C-alpha atoms as a PDB file:
ATOM      1  CA  MET A   1      26.094  69.767  42.052  1.00  0.00           C
ATOM      2  CA  THR A   2      27.316  71.312  38.780  1.00  0.00           C
ATOM      3  CA  ARG A   3      30.781  71.841  37.840  1.00  0.00           C
ATOM      4  CA  ASP A   4      30.638  75.567  38.383  1.00  0.00           C
ATOM      5  CA  GLN A   5      29.469  75.149  41.987  1.00  0.00           C
ATOM      6  CA  GLY A   6      32.366  72.649  42.718  1.00  0.00           C
ATOM      7  CA  SER A   7      34.832  75.124  41.399  1.00  0.00           C
ATOM      8  CA  GLY A   8      33.347  77.728  43.667  1.00  0.00           C
ATOM      9  CA  ILE A   9      33.677  75.605  46.692  1.00  0.00           C
ATOM     10  CA  ARG A  10      37.290  74.592  45.963  1.00  0.00           C
ATOM     11  CA  GLY A  11      38.134  78.389  45.476  1.00  0.00           C
ATOM     12  CA  GLN A  12      36.576  79.349  48.799  1.00  0.00           C
ATOM     13  CA  ARG A  13      38.619  76.670  50.542  1.00  0.00           C
ATOM     14  CA  LEU A  14      41.813  77.829  48.815  1.00  0.00           C
ATOM     15  CA  ARG A  15      41.179  81.456  49.812  1.00  0.00           C
ATOM     16  CA  ARG A  16      40.576  80.382  53.311  1.00  0.00           C
ATOM     17  CA  MET A  17      43.893  78.202  53.461  1.00  0.00           C
ATOM     18  CA  VAL A  18      45.741  81.251  52.045  1.00  0.00           C
ATOM     19  CA  ALA A  19      44.126  83.553  54.701  1.00  0.00           C
ATOM     20  CA  ALA A  20      44.881  81.119  57.518  1.00  0.00           C
ATOM     21  CA  ALA A  21      48.553  80.854  56.265  1.00  0.00           C
ATOM     22  CA  GLY A  22      48.910  84.680  56.036  1.00  0.00           C
ATOM     23  CA  PHE A  23      47.555  85.043  59.483  1.00  0.00           C
ATOM     24  CA  GLY A  24      49.956  82.480  60.862  1.00  0.00           C
ATOM     25  CA  ALA A  25      52.752  84.338  59.028  1.00  0.00           C
ATOM     26  CA  LEU A  26      51.697  87.688  60.770  1.00  0.00           C
ATOM     27  CA  VAL A  27      51.664  85.849  64.263  1.00  0.00           C
ATOM     28  CA  LEU A  28      55.184  84.513  63.589  1.00  0.00           C
ATOM     29  CA  VAL A  29      56.565  88.056  62.311  1.00  0.00           C
ATOM     30  CA  ALA A  30      54.957  89.612  65.441  1.00  0.00           C
ATOM     31  CA  GLY A  31      56.787  87.247  67.695  1.00  0.00           C
ATOM     32  CA  CYS A  32      60.204  88.053  66.185  1.00  0.00           C
ATOM     33  CA  ARG A  33      60.641  91.357  67.893  1.00  0.00           C
ATOM     34  CA  GLN A  34      64.387  92.407  68.519  1.00  0.00           C
ATOM     35  CA  ASP A  35      63.917  94.848  71.494  1.00  0.00           C
ATOM     36  CA  MET A  36      64.182  92.518  74.418  1.00  0.00           C
ATOM     37  CA  GLN A  37      65.036  89.158  72.706  1.00  0.00           C
ATOM     38  CA  ASN A  38      68.159  90.543  71.159  1.00  0.00           C
ATOM     39  CA  GLN A  39      69.328  93.509  72.929  1.00  0.00           C
ATOM     40  CA  PRO A  40      72.449  95.621  72.116  1.00  0.00           C
ATOM     41  CA  ARG A  41      75.515  94.353  74.172  1.00  0.00           C
ATOM     42  CA  MET A  42      78.947  95.598  74.998  1.00  0.00           C
ATOM     43  CA  PHE A  43      82.089  94.130  73.491  1.00  0.00           C
ATOM     44  CA  PRO A  44      85.191  93.865  75.608  1.00  0.00           C
ATOM     45  CA  GLN A  45      87.824  96.690  74.814  1.00  0.00           C
ATOM     46  CA  ARG A  46      85.356  98.409  72.329  1.00  0.00           C
ATOM     47  CA  GLY A  47      83.627 101.851  72.456  1.00  0.00           C
ATOM     48  CA  ALA A  48      80.011 102.521  73.082  1.00  0.00           C
ATOM     49  CA  GLU A  49      77.928 105.302  71.871  1.00  0.00           C
ATOM     50  CA  PHE A  50      75.435 104.829  74.792  1.00  0.00           C
ATOM     51  CA  PHE A  51      77.664 106.321  77.325  1.00  0.00           C
ATOM     52  CA  ALA A  52      78.778 109.983  77.377  1.00  0.00           C
ATOM     53  CA  ASP A  53      82.600 108.946  77.561  1.00  0.00           C
ATOM     54  CA  HIS A  54      82.076 106.508  74.729  1.00  0.00           C
ATOM     55  CA  ARG A  55      83.729 103.508  76.936  1.00  0.00           C
ATOM     56  CA  GLY A  56      82.187 100.239  76.821  1.00  0.00           C
ATOM     57  CA  ALA A  57      84.115  99.010  79.831  1.00  0.00           C
ATOM     58  CA  ARG A  58      82.718 100.766  82.856  1.00  0.00           C
ATOM     59  CA  PRO A  59      84.673 101.887  85.830  1.00  0.00           C
ATOM     60  CA  GLN A  60      83.831 100.272  89.231  1.00  0.00           C
ATOM     61  CA  VAL A  61      81.346 102.101  91.361  1.00  0.00           C
ATOM     62  CA  VAL A  62      82.997 104.209  94.040  1.00  0.00           C
ATOM     63  CA  ASN A  63      83.127 102.443  97.444  1.00  0.00           C
ATOM     64  CA  THR A  64      82.183  99.082  96.115  1.00  0.00           C
ATOM     65  CA  VAL A  65      84.218  96.110  97.478  1.00  0.00           C
ATOM     66  CA  ALA A  66      84.657  92.639  95.840  1.00  0.00           C
ATOM     67  CA  ARG A  67      83.601  89.658  97.800  1.00  0.00           C
ATOM     68  CA  GLY A  68      86.263  88.556 100.323  1.00  0.00           C
ATOM     69  CA  GLN A  69      87.957  91.864 100.168  1.00  0.00           C
ATOM     70  CA  LEU A  70      86.319  94.002 102.643  1.00  0.00           C
ATOM     71  CA  ARG A  71      89.477  94.224 104.850  1.00  0.00           C
ATOM     72  CA  GLU A  72      87.592  95.322 107.893  1.00  0.00           C
ATOM     73  CA  ASP A  73      90.746  94.954 110.101  1.00  0.00           C
ATOM     74  CA  SER A  74      92.742  97.903 108.610  1.00  0.00           C
ATOM     75  CA  TYR A  75      95.541  97.420 111.060  1.00  0.00           C
ATOM     76  CA  PHE A  76      96.183  93.903 109.749  1.00  0.00           C
ATOM     77  CA  TYR A  77      96.471  95.176 106.170  1.00  0.00           C
ATOM     78  CA  THR A  78      98.371  98.465 106.666  1.00  0.00           C
ATOM     79  CA  GLY A  79     100.274  98.135 109.943  1.00  0.00           C
ATOM     80  CA  VAL A  80      99.062 101.684 111.245  1.00  0.00           C
ATOM     81  CA  VAL A  81      96.085 103.112 112.896  1.00  0.00           C
ATOM     82  CA  GLN A  82      94.620 106.654 112.841  1.00  0.00           C
ATOM     83  CA  GLY A  83      96.024 108.627 115.794  1.00  0.00           C
ATOM     84  CA  ALA A  84      94.201 111.232 117.920  1.00  0.00           C
ATOM     85  CA  ASN A  85      96.341 113.908 116.258  1.00  0.00           C
ATOM     86  CA  GLY A  86      95.091 112.841 112.761  1.00  0.00           C
ATOM     87  CA  TYR A  87      98.391 111.151 111.763  1.00  0.00           C
ATOM     88  CA  ARG A  88      99.008 107.474 111.033  1.00  0.00           C
ATOM     89  CA  GLU A  89     100.621 105.767 113.972  1.00  0.00           C
ATOM     90  CA  GLU A  90     102.536 102.362 114.141  1.00  0.00           C
ATOM     91  CA  ARG A  91     101.952 100.095 117.046  1.00  0.00           C
ATOM     92  CA  ASP A  92     104.138  97.578 118.920  1.00  0.00           C
ATOM     93  CA  GLN A  93     101.735  94.724 118.716  1.00  0.00           C
ATOM     94  CA  MET A  94     100.653  91.767 116.480  1.00  0.00           C
ATOM     95  CA  PRO A  95      97.013  91.632 115.035  1.00  0.00           C
ATOM     96  CA  PHE A  96      96.815  87.868 115.770  1.00  0.00           C
ATOM     97  CA  PRO A  97      98.445  85.490 118.437  1.00  0.00           C
ATOM     98  CA  VAL A  98     101.978  84.605 117.835  1.00  0.00           C
ATOM     99  CA  THR A  99     102.672  80.808 117.882  1.00  0.00           C
ATOM    100  CA  MET A 100     105.753  78.577 117.141  1.00  0.00           C
ATOM    101  CA  GLU A 101     104.079  78.030 113.741  1.00  0.00           C
ATOM    102  CA  VAL A 102     103.965  81.799 113.058  1.00  0.00           C
ATOM    103  CA  LEU A 103     107.555  82.069 113.916  1.00  0.00           C
ATOM    104  CA  GLU A 104     108.603  79.163 111.923  1.00  0.00           C
ATOM    105  CA  ARG A 105     106.806  80.577 108.912  1.00  0.00           C
ATOM    106  CA  GLY A 106     108.370  84.047 109.561  1.00  0.00           C
ATOM    107  CA  GLN A 107     111.830  82.421 109.811  1.00  0.00           C
ATOM    108  CA  GLU A 108     111.378  80.745 106.458  1.00  0.00           C
ATOM    109  CA  ARG A 109     110.080  83.792 104.690  1.00  0.00           C
ATOM    110  CA  PHE A 110     112.915  85.712 106.293  1.00  0.00           C
ATOM    111  CA  ASN A 111     115.547  83.400 105.370  1.00  0.00           C
ATOM    112  CA  ILE A 112     114.294  83.557 101.696  1.00  0.00           C
ATOM    113  CA  TYR A 113     113.699  87.228 101.087  1.00  0.00           C
ATOM    114  CA  CYS A 114     115.526  89.120 103.756  1.00  0.00           C
ATOM    115  CA  THR A 115     118.909  87.482 104.458  1.00  0.00           C
ATOM    116  CA  PRO A 116     120.621  88.370 101.127  1.00  0.00           C
ATOM    117  CA  CYS A 117     120.794  91.808 102.591  1.00  0.00           C
ATOM    118  CA  HIS A 118     120.331  91.694 106.300  1.00  0.00           C
ATOM    119  CA  SER A 119     122.009  88.295 106.828  1.00  0.00           C
ATOM    120  CA  ARG A 120     120.655  85.607 108.980  1.00  0.00           C
ATOM    121  CA  GLU A 121     121.613  87.404 112.150  1.00  0.00           C
ATOM    122  CA  GLY A 122     119.830  90.676 110.906  1.00  0.00           C
ATOM    123  CA  ASN A 123     123.042  92.668 111.249  1.00  0.00           C
ATOM    124  CA  GLY A 124     122.764  94.087 107.806  1.00  0.00           C
ATOM    125  CA  LEU A 125     125.943  92.277 106.622  1.00  0.00           C
ATOM    126  CA  GLY A 126     124.175  89.833 103.923  1.00  0.00           C
ATOM    127  CA  GLU A 127     126.105  88.344 101.145  1.00  0.00           C
ATOM    128  CA  ILE A 128     125.233  90.814  98.589  1.00  0.00           C
ATOM    129  CA  VAL A 129     126.253  93.673 100.874  1.00  0.00           C
ATOM    130  CA  GLN A 130     129.603  92.054 101.243  1.00  0.00           C
ATOM    131  CA  ARG A 131     129.861  91.929  97.456  1.00  0.00           C
ATOM    132  CA  GLY A 132     129.393  95.712  97.017  1.00  0.00           C
ATOM    133  CA  TYR A 133     125.645  96.479  97.401  1.00  0.00           C
ATOM    134  CA  LYS A 134     124.396  99.314  99.515  1.00  0.00           C
ATOM    135  CA  PRO A 135     124.654  98.478 103.285  1.00  0.00           C
ATOM    136  CA  ALA A 136     121.340  97.186 104.724  1.00  0.00           C
ATOM    137  CA  ALA A 137     119.766  98.221 107.964  1.00  0.00           C
ATOM    138  CA  ASN A 138     121.261  96.586 111.086  1.00  0.00           C
ATOM    139  CA  LEU A 139     118.080  95.214 112.761  1.00  0.00           C
ATOM    140  CA  GLN A 140     120.115  94.629 115.923  1.00  0.00           C
ATOM    141  CA  ASP A 141     120.975  98.354 116.515  1.00  0.00           C
ATOM    142  CA  GLN A 142     119.311 100.558 119.142  1.00  0.00           C
ATOM    143  CA  VAL A 143     117.316 102.651 116.493  1.00  0.00           C
ATOM    144  CA  ARG A 144     115.715  99.484 115.033  1.00  0.00           C
ATOM    145  CA  MET A 145     115.182  97.640 118.329  1.00  0.00           C
ATOM    146  CA  ALA A 146     113.241 100.696 119.451  1.00  0.00           C
ATOM    147  CA  GLN A 147     111.033 100.840 116.537  1.00  0.00           C
ATOM    148  CA  PRO A 148     107.440  99.252 116.959  1.00  0.00           C
ATOM    149  CA  LEU A 149     106.551  95.925 115.569  1.00  0.00           C
ATOM    150  CA  SER A 150     104.259  97.128 113.003  1.00  0.00           C
ATOM    151  CA  HIS A 151     107.067  99.397 111.611  1.00  0.00           C
ATOM    152  CA  TYR A 152     108.525  96.302 109.846  1.00  0.00           C
ATOM    153  CA  PHE A 153     105.254  95.276 108.489  1.00  0.00           C
ATOM    154  CA  TYR A 154     104.940  98.825 107.037  1.00  0.00           C
ATOM    155  CA  VAL A 155     108.494  98.860 105.424  1.00  0.00           C
ATOM    156  CA  MET A 156     107.835  95.488 103.903  1.00  0.00           C
ATOM    157  CA  THR A 157     104.672  96.745 102.477  1.00  0.00           C
ATOM    158  CA  HIS A 158     105.913 100.066 101.108  1.00  0.00           C
ATOM    159  CA  GLY A 159     109.658  99.902 101.053  1.00  0.00           C
ATOM    160  CA  TYR A 160     112.000 102.295 102.697  1.00  0.00           C
ATOM    161  CA  GLY A 161     115.133 104.070 101.331  1.00  0.00           C
ATOM    162  CA  ALA A 162     117.043 101.664  99.021  1.00  0.00           C
ATOM    163  CA  MET A 163     114.732  98.685 100.076  1.00  0.00           C
ATOM    164  CA  PRO A 164     112.081  98.020  97.677  1.00  0.00           C
ATOM    165  CA  ASP A 165     108.581  96.838  98.851  1.00  0.00           C
ATOM    166  CA  TYR A 166     107.948  93.075  99.160  1.00  0.00           C
ATOM    167  CA  SER A 167     104.100  93.342  99.080  1.00  0.00           C
ATOM    168  CA  ALA A 168     104.209  91.276  95.923  1.00  0.00           C
ATOM    169  CA  GLN A 169     106.383  88.459  97.435  1.00  0.00           C
ATOM    170  CA  LEU A 170     104.733  88.329 100.846  1.00  0.00           C
ATOM    171  CA  GLU A 171     101.065  88.284 101.743  1.00  0.00           C
ATOM    172  CA  PRO A 172     100.052  90.454 104.775  1.00  0.00           C
ATOM    173  CA  VAL A 173      99.865  87.326 106.971  1.00  0.00           C
ATOM    174  CA  ASP A 174     103.510  86.436 105.858  1.00  0.00           C
ATOM    175  CA  ARG A 175     104.684  89.976 106.536  1.00  0.00           C
ATOM    176  CA  TRP A 176     103.362  89.954 110.052  1.00  0.00           C
ATOM    177  CA  ALA A 177     105.113  86.609 110.539  1.00  0.00           C
ATOM    178  CA  VAL A 178     108.381  88.012 109.399  1.00  0.00           C
ATOM    179  CA  ALA A 179     108.018  90.980 111.571  1.00  0.00           C
ATOM    180  CA  ALA A 180     107.235  88.616 114.623  1.00  0.00           C
ATOM    181  CA  TYR A 181     110.452  86.722 113.628  1.00  0.00           C
ATOM    182  CA  ILE A 182     112.583  89.859 113.547  1.00  0.00           C
ATOM    183  CA  ARG A 183     111.534  90.729 117.069  1.00  0.00           C
ATOM    184  CA  ALA A 184     112.351  87.175 118.131  1.00  0.00           C
ATOM    185  CA  LEU A 185     115.652  87.460 116.379  1.00  0.00           C
ATOM    186  CA  GLN A 186     116.519  90.621 118.049  1.00  0.00           C
ATOM    187  CA  LEU A 187     115.748  89.158 121.464  1.00  0.00           C
ATOM    188  CA  SER A 188     117.829  86.029 120.671  1.00  0.00           C
ATOM    189  CA  GLN A 189     120.838  88.147 119.410  1.00  0.00           C
ATOM    190  CA  ASN A 190     120.847  90.420 122.582  1.00  0.00           C
ATOM    191  CA  ALA A 191     119.894  87.645 125.085  1.00  0.00           C
ATOM    192  CA  THR A 192     122.156  86.880 128.230  1.00  0.00           C
ATOM    193  CA  MET A 193     122.414  83.668 130.206  1.00  0.00           C
ATOM    194  CA  SER A 194     119.830  85.183 132.642  1.00  0.00           C
ATOM    195  CA  ASP A 195     117.140  84.762 129.940  1.00  0.00           C
ATOM    196  CA  VAL A 196     117.749  81.025 129.696  1.00  0.00           C
ATOM    197  CA  ALA A 197     115.567  78.836 131.785  1.00  0.00           C
ATOM    198  CA  ALA A 198     117.095  76.932 134.458  1.00  0.00           C
ATOM    199  CA  GLY A 199     118.233  73.511 133.289  1.00  0.00           C
ATOM    200  CA  VAL A 200     118.372  74.336 129.545  1.00  0.00           C
ATOM    201  CA  GLN A 201     121.442  73.589 127.524  1.00  0.00           C
ATOM    202  CA  VAL A 202     122.469  76.396 125.128  1.00  0.00           C
ATOM    203  CA  GLN A 203     124.528  75.368 122.199  1.00  0.00           C
ATOM    204  CA  THR A 204     126.722  77.493 120.119  1.00  0.00           C
ATOM    205  CA  LEU A 205     126.226  77.870 116.280  1.00  0.00           C
ATOM    206  CA  LYS A 206     129.242  75.804 115.659  1.00  0.00           C
ATOM    207  CA  GLU A 207     127.873  72.981 117.971  1.00  0.00           C
ATOM    208  CA  VAL A 208     124.644  72.897 116.163  1.00  0.00           C
ATOM    209  CA  THR A 209     126.373  72.826 112.812  1.00  0.00           C
ATOM    210  CA  ALA A 210     128.399  69.866 113.887  1.00  0.00           C
ATOM    211  CA  GLN A 211     125.361  68.100 115.280  1.00  0.00           C
ATOM    212  CA  GLU A 212     123.337  68.548 112.261  1.00  0.00           C
ATOM    213  CA  ASN A 213     126.277  67.399 110.034  1.00  0.00           C
ATOM    214  CA  LEU A 214     126.253  70.749 108.178  1.00  0.00           C
ATOM    215  CA  PRO A 215     129.312  72.174 106.378  1.00  0.00           C
ATOM    216  CA  GLY A 216     131.487  74.103 108.709  1.00  0.00           C
ATOM    217  CA  ARG A 217     131.351  77.113 106.558  1.00  0.00           C
ATOM    218  CA  PHE A 218     127.765  77.791 107.510  1.00  0.00           C
ATOM    219  CA  ALA A 219     129.131  78.748 110.973  1.00  0.00           C
ATOM    220  CA  GLN A 220     131.935  80.999 109.716  1.00  0.00           C
ATOM    221  CA  PRO A 221     132.204  84.288 107.869  1.00  0.00           C
ATOM    222  CA  TRP A 222     131.963  83.958 104.065  1.00  0.00           C
ATOM    223  CA  SER A 223     134.858  85.489 102.046  1.00  0.00           C
ATOM    224  CA  LEU A 224     134.740  86.861  98.568  1.00  0.00           C
ATOM    225  CA  PRO A 225     135.645  84.380  95.793  1.00  0.00           C
ATOM    226  CA  SER A 226     138.827  85.301  93.807  1.00  0.00           C
ATOM    227  CA  THR A 227     136.854  86.054  90.666  1.00  0.00           C
ATOM    228  CA  ALA A 228     134.813  88.796  92.480  1.00  0.00           C
ATOM    229  CA  VAL A 229     134.817  92.168  90.552  1.00  0.00           C
ATOM    230  CA  TRP A 230     135.624  95.197  92.591  1.00  0.00           C
ATOM    231  CA  SER A 231     134.719  98.732  91.686  1.00  0.00           C
ATOM    232  CA  ASN A 232     137.283 101.477  92.383  1.00  0.00           C
ATOM    233  CA  PRO A 233     135.870 103.571  95.249  1.00  0.00           C
ATOM    234  CA  ALA A 234     137.532 106.589  96.699  1.00  0.00           C
ATOM    235  CA  LYS A 235     139.124 106.290 100.021  1.00  0.00           C
ATOM    236  CA  GLY A 236     136.759 106.595 102.979  1.00  0.00           C
ATOM    237  CA  GLN A 237     133.663 105.654 100.898  1.00  0.00           C
ATOM    238  CA  GLY A 238     133.178 102.168 102.471  1.00  0.00           C
ATOM    239  CA  LEU A 239     132.714  99.207 100.441  1.00  0.00           C
ATOM    240  CA  PRO A 240     132.550  98.839  96.690  1.00  0.00           C
ATOM    241  CA  ALA A 241     129.720 100.388  94.540  1.00  0.00           C
ATOM    242  CA  MET A 242     130.383 103.655  96.339  1.00  0.00           C
ATOM    243  CA  ALA A 243     127.996 102.605  99.156  1.00  0.00           C
ATOM    244  CA  PRO A 244     128.398 105.166 102.033  1.00  0.00           C
ATOM    245  CA  ALA A 245     128.873 103.875 105.635  1.00  0.00           C
ATOM    246  CA  ASN A 246     125.963 104.408 107.861  1.00  0.00           C
ATOM    247  CA  THR A 247     126.855 105.305 111.460  1.00  0.00           C
ATOM    248  CA  ALA A 248     123.910 103.221 112.750  1.00  0.00           C
ATOM    249  CA  ASP A 249     125.324 100.165 111.128  1.00  0.00           C
ATOM    250  CA  PRO A 250     128.285  98.097 112.300  1.00  0.00           C
ATOM    251  CA  LYS A 251     131.577  98.609 110.617  1.00  0.00           C
ATOM    252  CA  GLN A 252     131.838  97.097 107.141  1.00  0.00           C
ATOM    253  CA  ILE A 253     134.913  94.956 106.973  1.00  0.00           C
ATOM    254  CA  ALA A 254     136.025  93.234 103.764  1.00  0.00           C
ATOM    255  CA  PRO A 255     137.440  89.790 103.834  1.00  0.00           C
ATOM    256  CA  ALA A 256     141.306  89.817 104.335  1.00  0.00           C
ATOM    257  CA  GLY A 257     143.252  89.640 101.287  1.00  0.00           C
ATOM    258  CA  LYS A 258     140.525  90.913  99.017  1.00  0.00           C
ATOM    259  CA  LEU A 259     140.897  94.636  99.609  1.00  0.00           C
ATOM    260  CA  PRO A 260     141.446  96.727  96.420  1.00  0.00           C
ATOM    261  CA  PRO A 261     144.771  98.634  96.123  1.00  0.00           C
ATOM    262  CA  ALA A 262     143.195 101.903  96.991  1.00  0.00           C
ATOM    263  CA  THR A 263     141.985 100.877 100.373  1.00  0.00           C
ATOM    264  CA  LYS A 264     144.933  98.810 101.587  1.00  0.00           C
END
């Protein structure tokens, strides 16, 4: 083989290698497409030209429900049912059985969130009412006792008058527990000896206080401290803060010796 023939063979091999390398590069380039492998995506809180309203965050599809939030029992979550006349109606019934555990839970939640205004007896003479806040509803009067059970749930959910809603503080099951306890509290405050089972010993609040070694003041009316600040209400306007008296509520009586000069 001559020198020229050897050079020609080497040149052919080189061209083949270059062609193979070029073909491989073309294969690699063809595999680097950016339509499916690297799609355009939405960024949180940014706009998007793809949609007509130019909003990247899309609203939820109408009538879709998140998992666990179907709420099939509408009475449990609303306290009302659709009446035959088309209006929402309250009912005097619980959506689940009432046990002692339910009443104890309701009592606990009631004492935390309701007693500052309604008092532990539910008579509307809570501590902040005695210090000038607008009188709360008396849960023991004929108007409230005649209201259906779900009415209390509805009021706790949406508020009523000067009372704000407590839907953020109380879950639906706790609102029902409080409603059940309110009914039990109404029955207890209007009970007679004929309602007591034979052979059952009934203790007064003072006796329970002494038995549990609690301070005696828990069984007695609370008086305002000497540092309490009074407003200057006009005569006949009830307690301070210009809270008008409600005829459906019991008479508001300020502690003896703490009346402002204008009302003495």
